[in-house]
Amino acid sequence: MWKDKIVEELHKFREAHAAQFNYEVRAIVESLREEEEKSGRQVVSFAKGRKEETKEVEK
């Protein structure tokens, strides 16, 4: 089976990160949100855009 080194590295990072929070999903998500906020990068949400886009297409 072919293995992708980048995907394997991401899986290792995800595993290590989850282990830091005892695999508690809420704690993991909160940590990621805090990191996202600290980054200072603009965050885009497509959740609202999809609904609006769908309405425009239906017209």
C-alpha atoms as a PDB file:
ATOM      1  CA  MET A   1       0.000   0.000   0.000  1.00  0.00           C
ATOM      2  CA  TRP A   2       1.286   3.434  -0.959  1.00  0.00           C
ATOM      3  CA  LYS A   3       1.810   5.872   1.910  1.00  0.00           C
ATOM      4  CA  ASP A   4       1.821   9.637   1.699  1.00  0.00           C
ATOM      5  CA  LYS A   5       4.491  11.129   3.977  1.00  0.00           C
ATOM      6  CA  ILE A   6       2.600  14.395   4.373  1.00  0.00           C
ATOM      7  CA  VAL A   7      -0.635  12.647   5.376  1.00  0.00           C
ATOM      8  CA  GLU A   8       1.283  10.466   7.831  1.00  0.00           C
ATOM      9  CA  GLU A   9       2.867  13.576   9.368  1.00  0.00           C
ATOM     10  CA  LEU A  10      -0.560  15.200   9.732  1.00  0.00           C
ATOM     11  CA  HIS A  11      -1.931  12.075  11.409  1.00  0.00           C
ATOM     12  CA  LYS A  12       0.964  12.082  13.888  1.00  0.00           C
ATOM     13  CA  PHE A  13       0.374  15.756  14.675  1.00  0.00           C
ATOM     14  CA  ARG A  14      -3.364  15.189  15.115  1.00  0.00           C
ATOM     15  CA  GLU A  15      -2.739  12.218  17.411  1.00  0.00           C
ATOM     16  CA  ALA A  16      -0.235  14.132  19.557  1.00  0.00           C
ATOM     17  CA  HIS A  17      -2.531  17.159  19.756  1.00  0.00           C
ATOM     18  CA  ALA A  18      -5.544  15.038  20.743  1.00  0.00           C
ATOM     19  CA  ALA A  19      -3.485  13.227  23.384  1.00  0.00           C
ATOM     20  CA  GLN A  20      -2.651  16.577  25.025  1.00  0.00           C
ATOM     21  CA  PHE A  21      -6.365  17.033  25.700  1.00  0.00           C
ATOM     22  CA  ASN A  22      -7.069  13.434  26.698  1.00  0.00           C
ATOM     23  CA  TYR A  23      -8.967  12.990  23.414  1.00  0.00           C
ATOM     24  CA  GLU A  24     -11.800  15.257  24.623  1.00  0.00           C
ATOM     25  CA  VAL A  25     -13.318  16.753  21.486  1.00  0.00           C
ATOM     26  CA  ARG A  26     -14.573  19.941  23.147  1.00  0.00           C
ATOM     27  CA  ALA A  27     -11.130  20.680  24.591  1.00  0.00           C
ATOM     28  CA  ILE A  28      -9.461  19.981  21.242  1.00  0.00           C
ATOM     29  CA  VAL A  29     -11.853  22.300  19.384  1.00  0.00           C
ATOM     30  CA  GLU A  30     -11.444  25.044  21.986  1.00  0.00           C
ATOM     31  CA  SER A  31      -7.670  24.800  21.627  1.00  0.00           C
ATOM     32  CA  LEU A  32      -7.896  25.058  17.843  1.00  0.00           C
ATOM     33  CA  ARG A  33     -10.211  28.064  18.087  1.00  0.00           C
ATOM     34  CA  GLU A  34      -7.798  29.812  20.450  1.00  0.00           C
ATOM     35  CA  GLU A  35      -4.908  29.163  18.051  1.00  0.00           C
ATOM     36  CA  GLU A  36      -7.026  30.450  15.176  1.00  0.00           C
ATOM     37  CA  GLU A  37      -7.746  33.670  17.092  1.00  0.00           C
ATOM     38  CA  LYS A  38      -4.085  34.147  18.079  1.00  0.00           C
ATOM     39  CA  SER A  39      -2.937  33.744  14.465  1.00  0.00           C
ATOM     40  CA  GLY A  40      -4.410  37.093  13.468  1.00  0.00           C
ATOM     41  CA  ARG A  41      -5.402  35.655  10.108  1.00  0.00           C
ATOM     42  CA  GLN A  42      -8.775  36.388   8.593  1.00  0.00           C
ATOM     43  CA  VAL A  43     -11.113  33.451   9.092  1.00  0.00           C
ATOM     44  CA  VAL A  44     -13.782  32.802   6.495  1.00  0.00           C
ATOM     45  CA  SER A  45     -16.994  30.936   7.216  1.00  0.00           C
ATOM     46  CA  PHE A  46     -18.851  29.457   4.282  1.00  0.00           C
ATOM     47  CA  ALA A  47     -21.846  28.311   6.322  1.00  0.00           C
ATOM     48  CA  LYS A  48     -23.921  31.442   5.643  1.00  0.00           C
ATOM     49  CA  GLY A  49     -22.613  31.854   2.103  1.00  0.00           C
ATOM     50  CA  ARG A  50     -23.881  28.479   1.012  1.00  0.00           C
ATOM     51  CA  LYS A  51     -27.438  29.240   2.118  1.00  0.00           C
ATOM     52  CA  GLU A  52     -27.418  32.642   0.447  1.00  0.00           C
ATOM     53  CA  GLU A  53     -25.837  31.215  -2.679  1.00  0.00           C
ATOM     54  CA  THR A  54     -28.485  28.494  -2.837  1.00  0.00           C
ATOM     55  CA  LYS A  55     -31.262  31.095  -2.602  1.00  0.00           C
ATOM     56  CA  GLU A  56     -29.762  33.083  -5.462  1.00  0.00           C
ATOM     57  CA  VAL A  57     -29.517  29.991  -7.653  1.00  0.00           C
ATOM     58  CA  GLU A  58     -33.141  29.069  -6.971  1.00  0.00           C
ATOM     59  CA  LYS A  59     -34.468  32.448  -8.187  1.00  0.00           C
END
